[in-house]
Protein backbone atom coordinates (compact mmCIF):
# COMPACT_ATOMS: atom_id res chain seq x y z
CA MET A 1 113.42 -139.96 6.89
CA GLY A 2 117.09 -140.93 5.53
CA ILE A 3 119.72 -138.21 5.15
CA GLY A 4 119.06 -135.38 7.25
CA ALA A 5 121.03 -132.70 4.96
CA THR A 6 122.63 -132.79 1.29
CA ALA A 7 125.62 -130.66 -0.09
CA GLY A 8 125.53 -127.51 -0.95
CA VAL A 9 127.87 -125.33 -2.82
CA ALA A 10 131.09 -123.53 -1.56
CA ALA A 11 130.65 -120.12 -0.56
CA ALA A 12 132.36 -117.55 1.92
CA GLY A 13 130.82 -114.74 3.44
CA GLY A 14 132.59 -111.43 2.16
CA ILE A 15 135.14 -113.80 -0.21
CA ALA A 16 135.09 -112.10 -3.74
CA LEU A 17 136.85 -113.94 -6.70
CA THR A 18 137.76 -112.67 -9.42
CA ALA A 19 139.77 -114.63 -12.36
CA GLN A 20 142.52 -113.61 -14.64
CA ALA A 21 143.42 -115.88 -17.32
CA SER A 22 147.16 -116.63 -17.90
CA SER A 23 149.49 -118.90 -19.26
CA GLY A 24 148.11 -122.61 -19.64
CA THR A 25 144.79 -124.11 -21.33
CA GLY A 26 143.27 -125.68 -18.22
CA ALA A 27 143.09 -128.88 -20.14
CA ALA A 28 142.20 -131.80 -18.26
CA SER A 29 144.85 -134.51 -17.79
CA GLY A 30 144.29 -138.17 -17.44
CA GLY A 31 141.68 -139.91 -19.93
CA SER A 32 140.50 -143.30 -20.96
CA GLY A 33 142.52 -146.74 -20.81
CA ALA A 34 142.19 -150.35 -20.13
CA ALA A 35 141.04 -151.14 -16.96
CA GLY A 36 143.73 -152.42 -14.24
CA ALA A 37 146.11 -150.84 -12.30
CA ALA A 38 147.29 -147.78 -14.36
CA SER A 39 150.97 -146.91 -14.94
CA SER A 40 152.04 -143.53 -14.05
CA ASP A 41 152.65 -142.54 -17.45
CA ALA A 42 148.94 -143.31 -18.23
CA LEU A 43 147.81 -141.06 -15.15
CA ALA A 44 150.57 -138.17 -15.58
CA PHE A 45 149.67 -135.14 -14.13
CA ASP A 46 150.15 -132.06 -16.46
CA LYS A 47 151.73 -129.58 -14.34
CA ASP A 48 151.69 -127.03 -16.99
CA ALA A 49 147.87 -127.22 -17.67
CA TYR A 50 146.53 -124.32 -15.52
CA THR A 51 144.68 -121.00 -15.25
CA THR A 52 146.23 -118.43 -12.89
CA LEU A 53 143.41 -116.93 -10.78
CA THR A 54 143.53 -114.36 -8.09
CA THR A 55 141.00 -114.52 -5.22
CA THR A 56 140.41 -112.31 -1.82
CA ILE A 57 139.90 -114.76 0.96
CA THR A 58 138.79 -113.78 4.23
CA ASP A 59 140.26 -116.11 6.98
CA ALA A 60 139.22 -117.12 10.24
CA ASP A 61 139.91 -114.23 11.89
CA GLY A 62 138.24 -111.81 9.70
CA ALA A 63 141.55 -110.62 7.81
CA ASP A 64 141.74 -110.29 3.98
CA HIS A 65 144.17 -111.90 1.75
CA GLU A 66 144.90 -111.64 -2.02
CA VAL A 67 146.04 -115.14 -3.15
CA GLU A 68 147.33 -115.59 -6.70
CA TYR A 69 146.96 -119.49 -7.66
CA ARG A 70 147.23 -121.84 -10.52
CA PHE A 71 144.12 -123.60 -11.12
CA HIS A 72 144.25 -127.03 -12.65
CA LYS A 73 140.74 -127.89 -13.63
CA ALA A 74 138.86 -131.36 -13.94
CA VAL A 75 141.48 -133.43 -14.16
CA THR A 76 140.77 -137.37 -14.82
CA TYR A 77 142.26 -139.34 -11.95
CA VAL A 78 141.39 -142.96 -13.77
CA ALA A 79 142.29 -144.62 -16.47
CA ALA A 80 138.91 -146.43 -17.08
CA PRO A 81 136.32 -143.62 -15.58
CA VAL A 82 132.86 -144.71 -15.66
CA ASP A 83 131.64 -140.78 -15.58
CA GLU A 84 134.37 -138.38 -15.78
CA LYS A 85 131.91 -135.54 -14.65
CA TYR A 86 132.19 -137.00 -11.43
CA GLN A 87 135.70 -138.80 -11.76
CA CYS A 88 137.82 -135.71 -11.77
CA LEU A 89 139.35 -133.38 -9.44
CA ASN A 90 140.61 -129.87 -9.27
CA VAL A 91 144.10 -128.73 -7.96
CA SER A 92 144.63 -125.39 -6.48
CA VAL A 93 148.29 -124.14 -5.94
CA PRO A 94 148.94 -121.21 -4.05
CA VAL A 95 152.06 -118.73 -5.75
CA ARG A 96 151.56 -115.38 -4.13
CA ILE A 97 149.75 -114.32 -0.90
CA ASP A 98 149.62 -110.62 -0.08
CA GLY A 99 152.11 -109.76 -2.96
CA THR A 100 154.75 -112.47 -1.42
CA ALA A 101 155.52 -115.20 -3.77
CA VAL A 102 155.14 -118.67 -1.92
CA ASP A 103 156.61 -121.69 -2.50
CA ALA A 104 154.01 -125.09 -1.79
CA THR A 105 156.36 -127.68 -3.34
CA ASP A 106 156.48 -129.38 0.24
CA ALA A 107 153.03 -127.97 1.54
CA PRO A 108 150.73 -129.83 3.14
CA ILE A 109 147.70 -131.10 0.99
CA LEU A 110 144.12 -130.50 1.89
CA PHE A 111 141.89 -133.34 0.21
CA ALA A 112 138.50 -131.90 0.54
CA ASN A 113 135.52 -133.75 -0.90
CA SER A 114 132.12 -132.00 -1.21
CA VAL A 115 130.14 -135.05 -0.64
CA GLY A 116 126.76 -134.66 1.05
CA GLY A 117 124.15 -136.81 1.61
CA TYR A 118 125.83 -139.83 -0.49
CA MET A 119 124.94 -137.92 -3.52
CA PRO A 120 127.31 -137.52 -6.50
CA SER A 121 129.61 -134.73 -6.27
CA SER A 122 131.32 -133.09 -9.14
CA VAL A 123 134.11 -130.32 -9.36
CA ALA A 124 134.00 -130.35 -13.22
CA ASP A 125 131.92 -126.70 -13.55
CA ALA A 126 133.78 -125.35 -10.59
CA THR A 127 135.35 -122.11 -11.55
CA GLY A 128 137.89 -121.56 -8.72
CA VAL A 129 138.74 -123.20 -5.48
CA GLY A 130 136.21 -124.29 -3.30
CA GLY A 131 133.67 -124.60 -6.38
CA GLY A 132 132.96 -128.35 -5.82
CA GLY A 133 129.84 -129.52 -4.68
CA ALA A 134 127.07 -132.45 -4.45
CA THR A 135 124.44 -132.62 -6.59
CA GLY A 136 120.84 -133.54 -6.50
CA MET A 137 117.54 -132.60 -4.38
CA PRO A 138 117.69 -130.87 -1.03
CA GLY A 139 116.36 -132.67 2.14
CA GLY A 140 116.10 -136.47 3.76
CA GLY A 141 115.21 -139.38 1.61
CA ALA A 142 115.97 -140.77 -2.08
CA PRO A 143 115.40 -138.10 -4.69
CA SER A 144 114.34 -138.82 -8.14
CA ALA A 145 117.42 -140.47 -9.88
CA SER A 146 118.97 -139.01 -12.67
CA ALA A 147 122.00 -139.65 -14.72
CA SER A 148 123.06 -135.87 -14.70
CA PRO A 149 121.38 -134.26 -11.43
CA SER A 150 120.97 -130.55 -10.85
CA PRO A 151 123.14 -129.09 -8.52
CA SER A 152 121.28 -127.60 -5.43
CA SER A 153 122.83 -124.95 -2.97
CA SER A 154 119.36 -124.51 -1.42
CA ALA A 155 118.61 -125.53 2.13
CA SER A 156 117.00 -129.12 2.94
CA ALA A 157 113.54 -129.64 3.42
CA SER A 158 114.05 -129.85 7.03
CA GLY A 159 115.47 -126.22 7.42
CA GLU A 160 118.90 -127.84 8.21
CA VAL A 161 121.45 -125.71 6.12
CA ALA A 162 123.15 -127.80 3.27
CA SER A 163 126.28 -129.33 4.27
CA GLY A 164 129.24 -130.95 2.25
CA GLY A 165 133.02 -130.92 2.54
CA ASN A 166 133.18 -127.23 1.06
CA GLY A 167 129.89 -125.54 2.76
CA MET A 168 130.04 -125.34 6.15
CA VAL A 169 128.12 -123.00 8.87
CA ASN A 170 130.36 -120.70 11.02
CA ALA A 171 129.55 -119.29 14.50
CA GLN A 172 127.72 -116.68 12.85
CA GLY A 173 125.65 -118.52 10.35
CA GLY A 174 128.01 -117.73 7.39
CA MET A 175 129.23 -120.18 5.24
CA VAL A 176 132.77 -121.74 5.60
CA SER A 177 135.13 -122.86 2.93
CA LEU A 178 138.11 -124.87 4.43
CA PRO A 179 139.93 -124.90 0.50
CA LYS A 180 139.62 -121.35 0.61
CA LEU A 181 141.23 -121.00 4.02
CA ALA A 182 143.69 -123.94 3.36
CA LEU A 183 144.99 -122.03 0.22
CA ALA A 184 145.40 -118.64 2.00
CA ALA A 185 147.43 -120.51 4.49
CA GLY A 186 150.04 -122.08 1.76
CA TYR A 187 148.52 -125.27 1.07
CA VAL A 188 148.14 -126.97 -1.53
CA VAL A 189 144.19 -127.99 -2.19
CA VAL A 190 142.63 -131.21 -3.95
CA GLU A 191 139.08 -131.40 -4.47
CA PRO A 192 137.72 -134.48 -5.70
CA GLY A 193 134.66 -135.27 -7.25
CA ALA A 194 132.74 -138.78 -6.75
CA ARG A 195 130.05 -140.82 -7.81
CA GLY A 196 126.80 -141.18 -5.61
CA ARG A 197 123.59 -142.95 -5.11
CA THR A 198 121.28 -141.40 -7.23
CA LEU A 199 123.18 -141.89 -10.54
CA VAL A 200 121.59 -143.91 -12.94
CA ASP A 201 122.32 -144.81 -17.00
CA ALA A 202 120.14 -145.30 -19.90
CA ASP A 203 119.53 -148.66 -18.72
CA GLY A 204 118.12 -148.30 -15.46
CA THR A 205 121.26 -149.15 -13.67
CA TYR A 206 122.27 -146.98 -10.70
CA TYR A 207 126.32 -146.75 -10.89
CA GLY A 208 127.23 -144.70 -8.14
CA VAL A 209 125.64 -146.65 -5.28
CA ALA A 210 128.01 -148.16 -2.65
CA PRO A 211 130.81 -148.37 -2.50
CA ALA A 212 131.28 -146.39 -5.40
CA ALA A 213 131.87 -142.98 -3.83
CA ILE A 214 134.64 -144.47 -1.56
CA VAL A 215 136.28 -146.25 -4.37
CA ASP A 216 136.37 -142.84 -6.33
CA LEU A 217 138.11 -140.96 -3.59
CA LYS A 218 140.88 -143.81 -2.89
CA ALA A 219 141.54 -143.55 -6.66
CA ALA A 220 141.74 -139.91 -6.35
CA VAL A 221 144.23 -140.41 -3.38
CA ARG A 222 146.04 -142.57 -5.50
CA TYR A 223 146.21 -140.19 -8.12
CA VAL A 224 147.60 -137.65 -6.04
CA ARG A 225 150.46 -139.81 -4.68
CA SER A 226 151.44 -141.44 -8.13
CA ASN A 227 152.09 -138.13 -9.26
CA LYS A 228 154.79 -137.27 -6.39
CA GLY A 229 156.81 -134.40 -7.87
CA ARG A 230 154.48 -133.53 -10.56
CA ILE A 231 151.94 -132.25 -8.23
CA PRO A 232 153.17 -129.53 -6.05
CA GLY A 233 152.64 -129.94 -2.27
CA ASP A 234 153.88 -133.28 -0.07
CA VAL A 235 152.02 -136.28 -1.08
CA ASP A 236 153.05 -137.95 2.16
CA ARG A 237 150.97 -135.31 4.02
CA ILE A 238 147.65 -135.41 2.85
CA VAL A 239 144.65 -134.04 4.97
CA SER A 240 141.16 -135.15 4.17
CA SER A 241 137.93 -133.45 5.13
CA GLY A 242 134.26 -133.71 4.65
CA THR A 243 131.20 -132.99 6.18
CA SER A 244 128.27 -135.36 6.83
CA ALA A 245 128.06 -138.27 4.43
CA GLY A 246 131.62 -136.46 3.30
CA GLY A 247 132.47 -136.92 6.99
CA ALA A 248 131.91 -140.37 6.93
CA LEU A 249 133.96 -140.80 3.68
CA SER A 250 136.88 -139.02 4.95
CA SER A 251 136.75 -140.97 8.24
CA LEU A 252 136.92 -143.94 5.97
CA LEU A 253 139.30 -142.99 3.90
CA GLY A 254 141.52 -142.43 7.04
CA ALA A 255 140.65 -145.94 8.44
CA SER A 256 141.06 -147.96 5.52
CA GLY A 257 144.37 -146.44 3.88
CA ASP A 258 145.73 -149.28 1.77
CA SER A 259 143.27 -152.00 2.56
CA PRO A 260 143.51 -154.95 -0.21
CA LEU A 261 139.83 -155.27 0.17
CA TYR A 262 139.34 -152.35 -2.34
CA ASP A 263 141.93 -153.51 -4.92
CA LYS A 264 139.64 -155.09 -7.43
CA LEU A 265 137.48 -152.13 -7.38
CA LEU A 266 140.34 -149.79 -7.98
CA ALA A 267 141.73 -152.00 -10.64
CA ALA A 268 138.50 -152.10 -12.26
CA ILE A 269 138.12 -148.08 -13.12
CA GLY A 270 142.07 -147.87 -13.49
CA ALA A 271 143.02 -146.58 -10.33
CA ALA A 272 146.94 -145.61 -10.35
CA ASP A 273 149.30 -147.90 -8.88
CA ALA A 274 150.02 -146.27 -5.58
CA SER A 275 149.18 -145.88 -2.18
CA ASP A 276 145.57 -144.62 -1.20
CA ALA A 277 146.78 -144.27 2.62
CA ILE A 278 146.46 -140.42 4.08
CA PHE A 279 148.00 -138.83 6.71
CA ALA A 280 145.55 -137.17 8.89
CA THR A 281 141.23 -137.07 8.59
CA GLY A 282 139.17 -133.67 9.23
CA ALA A 283 135.46 -134.97 10.04
CA TRP A 284 132.76 -132.94 10.65
CA CYS A 285 129.46 -134.68 11.75
CA PRO A 286 130.12 -138.08 10.08
CA ILE A 287 127.06 -140.31 9.07
CA THR A 288 128.66 -143.64 9.14
CA ASP A 289 128.30 -147.15 11.05
CA LEU A 290 125.07 -147.39 9.17
CA GLU A 291 124.41 -150.84 9.83
CA HIS A 292 124.14 -149.96 13.47
CA ALA A 293 122.96 -146.37 13.02
CA ASP A 294 119.09 -147.47 13.71
CA GLY A 295 119.80 -148.64 17.06
CA ALA A 296 122.34 -145.96 18.21
CA TYR A 297 119.40 -143.16 16.81
CA GLU A 298 116.83 -144.68 19.06
CA TRP A 299 119.29 -144.93 21.96
CA ASN A 300 120.20 -141.17 21.73
CA TRP A 301 116.84 -139.84 20.42
CA GLY A 302 114.32 -142.29 21.22
CA THR A 303 112.49 -140.63 23.51
CA ASN A 304 112.46 -136.95 21.72
CA PRO A 305 109.42 -136.01 20.16
CA THR A 306 109.26 -135.48 16.32
CA SER A 307 108.95 -131.87 14.83
CA SER A 308 105.03 -132.49 14.89
CA GLY A 309 105.17 -133.03 18.86
CA SER A 310 104.27 -136.86 18.33
CA ALA A 311 106.40 -139.71 19.47
CA VAL A 312 107.71 -142.44 16.86
CA ASP A 313 107.04 -145.97 17.50
CA GLN A 314 108.12 -146.92 21.08
CA ALA A 315 107.82 -150.81 20.44
CA VAL A 316 110.41 -150.36 17.45
CA SER A 317 112.27 -147.84 19.26
CA LYS A 318 112.79 -149.95 22.25
CA GLU A 319 113.58 -153.07 20.16
CA LEU A 320 116.36 -150.94 18.05
CA ARG A 321 117.93 -149.65 21.33
CA SER A 322 118.10 -153.11 22.57
CA GLN A 323 120.44 -153.69 19.44
CA PHE A 324 122.38 -151.09 20.08
CA ALA A 325 123.26 -152.05 23.77
CA GLU A 326 124.85 -155.56 22.16
CA TYR A 327 126.47 -153.65 19.51
CA GLN A 328 128.30 -151.17 21.90
CA ALA A 329 129.20 -154.18 24.33
CA SER A 330 130.80 -155.95 21.35
CA LEU A 331 133.01 -153.36 20.61
CA ARG A 332 134.58 -152.98 24.05
CA LEU A 333 135.41 -149.52 23.83
CA LYS A 334 136.68 -147.43 26.89
CA GLY A 335 136.04 -143.73 26.63
CA LEU A 336 138.64 -140.93 26.71
CA ASN A 337 140.29 -139.58 30.10
CA GLY A 338 140.08 -142.88 31.64
CA PHE A 339 136.61 -143.31 31.83
CA GLY A 340 136.01 -146.83 31.47
CA THR A 341 134.32 -149.34 29.04
CA LEU A 342 131.39 -147.58 27.20
CA THR A 343 127.98 -149.45 27.28
CA ALA A 344 124.76 -148.24 26.83
CA ARG A 345 124.35 -147.86 30.64
CA ASN A 346 126.85 -145.18 30.90
CA TYR A 347 126.98 -143.74 27.58
CA ASP A 348 124.62 -141.05 28.50
CA GLU A 349 127.07 -140.16 31.37
CA TYR A 350 130.41 -140.11 29.38
CA LEU A 351 128.79 -137.88 26.53
CA VAL A 352 127.63 -135.08 29.02
CA ARG A 353 131.08 -135.37 30.95
CA GLN A 354 133.15 -135.95 28.09
CA TYR A 355 131.76 -133.67 25.55
CA MET A 356 128.52 -131.93 26.53
CA GLU A 357 129.28 -129.96 29.84
CA PRO A 358 132.94 -128.74 28.35
CA SER A 359 131.01 -127.79 25.23
CA ALA A 360 128.62 -125.57 27.48
CA THR A 361 131.10 -124.23 29.69
CA ARG A 362 133.39 -122.95 26.40
CA TYR A 363 130.08 -121.29 24.89
CA LEU A 364 128.99 -119.92 28.61
CA ALA A 365 132.45 -118.69 29.29
CA ALA A 366 132.94 -116.79 26.22
CA LEU A 367 129.71 -114.74 26.89
CA SER A 368 129.46 -111.47 28.71
CA ASP A 369 128.16 -111.62 31.95
CA ALA A 370 125.00 -109.91 30.81
CA ASP A 371 124.34 -112.34 27.95
CA ARG A 372 125.21 -115.46 29.98
CA THR A 373 122.81 -114.58 32.78
CA THR A 374 120.25 -114.16 30.15
CA TYR A 375 121.15 -117.51 28.71
CA LEU A 376 121.20 -119.08 31.91
CA ALA A 377 117.91 -117.66 32.77
CA ALA A 378 116.08 -119.15 29.36
CA ASN A 379 118.02 -122.60 30.17
CA THR A 380 117.28 -123.39 33.66
CA PHE A 381 118.54 -127.33 32.91
CA ILE A 382 121.98 -125.79 33.58
CA THR A 383 123.70 -125.29 36.73
CA TRP A 384 126.48 -122.55 36.32
CA SER A 385 128.90 -122.83 39.40
CA GLY A 386 132.74 -121.80 39.45
CA GLY A 387 132.81 -121.10 35.72
CA ARG A 388 131.69 -124.62 34.70
CA ALA A 389 128.35 -125.95 33.35
CA ARG A 390 126.39 -129.05 34.92
CA PHE A 391 123.25 -130.63 33.76
CA SER A 392 121.63 -133.95 33.43
CA TRP A 393 121.32 -136.47 30.31
CA ALA A 394 117.53 -135.61 30.39
CA GLY A 395 117.82 -131.93 30.36
CA PHE A 396 120.15 -132.05 27.60
CA LEU A 397 117.54 -134.19 25.57
CA THR A 398 114.77 -131.88 26.53
CA HIS A 399 117.30 -128.84 25.46
CA VAL A 400 117.54 -130.22 21.94
CA GLY A 401 113.95 -130.55 21.68
CA ALA A 402 112.64 -132.32 18.10
CA ARG A 403 114.54 -135.39 16.49
CA LYS A 404 115.32 -135.20 13.12
CA LYS A 405 114.15 -138.59 11.87
CA SER A 406 111.59 -141.04 12.27
CA THR A 407 112.20 -144.81 13.13
CA PRO A 408 114.09 -146.53 11.78
CA ALA A 409 116.19 -143.67 10.75
CA PHE A 410 118.61 -145.17 8.28
CA ASP A 411 117.24 -148.52 7.03
CA ALA A 412 113.46 -147.29 6.27
CA PHE A 413 110.55 -149.91 6.55
CA ASP A 414 109.20 -148.28 3.13
CA LEU A 415 112.77 -148.17 1.46
CA SER A 416 112.53 -144.16 1.33
CA ALA A 417 115.66 -143.08 3.19
CA GLY A 418 118.57 -142.05 1.22
CA GLU A 419 120.49 -144.70 2.60
CA ASN A 420 118.44 -147.39 1.44
CA ASN A 421 119.11 -146.03 -1.94
CA LEU A 422 122.75 -146.29 -1.18
CA PHE A 423 123.00 -149.79 -0.71
CA GLY A 424 120.70 -150.52 -3.92
CA LYS A 425 122.27 -152.30 -6.51
CA GLY A 426 121.81 -152.76 -10.30
CA THR A 427 118.61 -151.57 -11.38
CA THR A 428 117.19 -151.93 -7.83
CA LYS A 429 116.95 -148.52 -6.80
CA ALA A 430 116.99 -149.20 -2.83
CA ARG A 431 117.38 -152.22 -0.63
CA HIS A 432 117.28 -153.00 3.20
CA PHE A 433 120.76 -153.43 4.70
CA THR A 434 119.51 -154.37 8.07
CA LEU A 435 117.92 -157.79 9.22
CA TYR A 436 115.65 -156.03 11.63
CA SER A 437 113.89 -153.72 8.70
CA LEU A 438 113.88 -156.57 6.23
CA ARG A 439 112.55 -159.15 8.47
CA HIS A 440 109.86 -156.29 9.91
CA GLU A 441 108.56 -156.45 6.04
CA ASN A 442 109.35 -159.55 4.47
CA GLY A 443 108.92 -161.73 7.74
CA GLY A 444 111.62 -163.51 10.03
CA SER A 445 113.17 -166.05 7.59
CA ALA A 446 114.10 -163.34 5.11
CA ARG A 447 117.98 -162.81 4.79
CA LEU A 448 120.02 -160.14 3.41
CA ASP A 449 121.28 -159.84 0.04
CA SER A 450 124.55 -161.98 -0.32
CA ASP A 451 126.68 -158.77 -1.39
CA LEU A 452 125.81 -156.60 1.53
CA PRO A 453 127.91 -157.84 4.34
CA ALA A 454 131.08 -157.03 2.31
CA THR A 455 129.44 -153.72 0.72
CA LEU A 456 128.73 -152.71 4.40
CA GLN A 457 132.20 -153.26 5.51
CA LEU A 458 133.65 -151.46 2.58
CA MET A 459 131.50 -148.43 3.83
CA ASN A 460 132.39 -148.66 7.54
CA PRO A 461 135.50 -147.15 9.16
CA MET A 462 134.92 -148.99 12.60
CA PRO A 463 135.98 -152.34 11.40
CA PHE A 464 139.16 -151.28 10.49
CA LEU A 465 139.84 -149.80 13.82
CA THR A 466 138.14 -152.45 15.76
CA GLU A 467 138.20 -155.65 14.55
CA ARG A 468 141.53 -155.68 12.71
CA PRO A 469 142.92 -152.39 13.21
CA ASN A 470 144.81 -151.22 9.91
CA PRO A 471 148.36 -150.37 10.31
CA HIS A 472 147.99 -148.14 7.49
CA ARG A 473 145.28 -146.00 8.77
CA THR A 474 145.86 -142.19 9.80
CA LYS A 475 147.23 -141.79 13.37
CA HIS A 476 145.58 -138.13 13.36
CA TRP A 477 141.92 -137.16 13.45
CA TRP A 478 139.94 -134.05 13.76
CA ILE A 479 136.57 -134.89 14.44
CA ARG A 480 133.67 -132.37 15.37
CA LEU A 481 129.76 -131.87 15.32
CA GLY A 482 127.22 -129.72 16.94
CA THR A 483 125.47 -130.54 20.26
CA LYS A 484 121.93 -130.08 18.53
CA ASP A 485 123.02 -132.15 15.57
CA SER A 486 120.15 -135.02 15.37
CA ASP A 487 121.08 -135.96 12.20
CA THR A 488 122.95 -139.27 14.06
CA SER A 489 123.33 -140.53 17.29
CA HIS A 490 126.28 -138.63 19.21
CA THR A 491 127.79 -142.17 19.78
CA VAL A 492 128.88 -142.50 15.98
CA SER A 493 131.62 -139.96 16.20
CA ALA A 494 132.21 -140.67 20.08
CA ASN A 495 132.74 -144.12 19.26
CA LEU A 496 135.01 -143.31 16.15
CA ALA A 497 137.03 -141.22 18.35
CA ALA A 498 137.41 -143.81 21.17
CA ALA A 499 138.56 -146.47 18.82
CA ALA A 500 141.26 -144.32 17.30
CA ASN A 501 142.24 -143.15 20.77
CA ALA A 502 142.34 -146.86 21.89
CA LEU A 503 144.87 -147.39 19.26
CA GLY A 504 147.20 -144.79 20.15
CA ASP A 505 146.30 -141.96 17.40
CA GLU A 506 145.82 -138.53 18.12
CA VAL A 507 142.23 -137.77 18.56
CA ASP A 508 140.69 -133.96 18.82
CA HIS A 509 137.30 -134.40 19.11
CA LEU A 510 134.72 -131.91 20.67
CA TYR A 511 131.21 -130.69 20.09
CA TYR A 512 129.93 -127.16 19.03
CA TRP A 513 127.21 -125.89 21.59
CA ASP A 514 123.54 -125.33 20.29
CA GLU A 515 125.08 -125.86 16.95
CA GLY A 516 123.10 -128.43 14.19
CA HIS A 517 124.26 -130.29 11.25
CA GLY A 518 127.14 -129.16 9.25
CA ALA A 519 128.36 -126.74 11.63
CA ASN A 520 131.97 -125.69 11.53
CA THR A 521 132.95 -123.13 14.18
CA ASP A 522 136.65 -123.56 14.69
CA PRO A 523 137.83 -123.89 10.73
CA GLY A 524 140.77 -121.42 11.64
CA ASP A 525 142.00 -123.95 14.30
CA PHE A 526 141.65 -126.72 12.09
CA ILE A 527 143.92 -125.13 9.26
CA LYS A 528 146.64 -124.40 12.36
CA TRP A 529 145.99 -128.10 13.46
CA ILE A 530 147.17 -129.19 9.87
CA ALA A 531 150.55 -127.09 10.31
CA ARG A 532 151.45 -128.42 13.91
CA ILE A 533 150.78 -132.15 12.90
CA THR A 534 152.83 -131.71 9.40
CA ASN A 535 155.39 -129.71 11.03
CA HIS A 536 154.37 -127.25 8.10
CA THR A 537 156.29 -123.65 8.31
CA PRO A 538 155.31 -121.42 5.27
CA LYS A 539 158.05 -121.07 2.54
CA THR A 540 158.59 -117.71 0.66
CA LYS A 541 160.40 -117.44 -2.84
């Protein structure tokens, strides 16, 4: 089945955008140069190359704000780009909010990637803030490759709303644009593009497969940090955001900051000679820990039927669940709030107690008495007593219903999953990246290609938090997903939260009740969280 949802263009219900040309040309800075770490002069941000725009932004509370801002478009962020259409970024700087001049010199920087499905993401054609998006076909599996994929804003083939860093779904089913909300709060917004798995050149070489996307995003962070004093905003207070694959990359940015493992790859594209560490990570439904995702998925959803009502191959599902048990034991992670060591035997209890029941409780408590009575009558697996929801893991799984993906969910036996494409190489479009799927198809003595272990590590935040904790990682984590999201296992984000928590990091992690993939029902709280952790107070001129 592959990656469940792809990215959509950013749009916010009720937000109107009008542009007014002003001083500045909007010309991109950056450009070509020799490979290697670029000097600050080679990648100097042109603070005068902008267009002044005015837009009306509806905040999370429903209030409209007129925002005047400077829009720096399609700034190439490396000196030796492979493809400038994707290796460029946009910068939006607030100037006036509701007629009051604002000073964004020391404002936090929201670094909002719009990657979805590990597809290519471009901001080059954006006409304003929140205009970036992933390109390619909607739906699961690997789409037809193209050097210049067409942008798509439609829903995925499964009916899931398209997702990406700039296109998330609120509780009312409308679209959420974090870049626009951040701009209306007085923050500087940086929206980077990145190469993705479907890009192929005239010779048939796939040039956006792993680890291209994370290398590009790191290079974009380096560009921003190298331009301290030229780009408005506090470059030491960069807060990353992303959804789905973008959430995975946001998590990886936070976990792997300044890791030397990426240095040669960054030098090859002429990244700036600066830090790529970020201050905080916001991750919605991250599709990550891919080499262990098949086992985790079967542990979570193995007994759930597919959308056709049939069961997946239970022999395969059982073998993958066994792999998850071994992996989970090897992590030796402890649950939040004193739960104890997390294992395959007790993870269901942990998820119910730590996340699912509190999520249901919040949802039900917010309903009117009449609506709560109606909901409980239709969902008898929930016991409501003393203002708290109680239920079993089995009851919860039945409530969710059909699983989103087949088995294996990520390393498909027939190489049809998006992740198989993600780990392609050269002119090979798709490869197996787990021994289980490889040997299922090619026999028990088959071995993974020699480059894959290192590539997998470069794409996974977990080793940077568990095996050898990275001292340069972010210390602030905002992690969210819907309880009905079966694009991956619920253990994936819970393990991420547990690993960060074990290191003493601040972790704000919760689930949205009855929401699916790409949900974001508390965007206003995220904007406030940024202000709190960065100690930001808006300044006026």
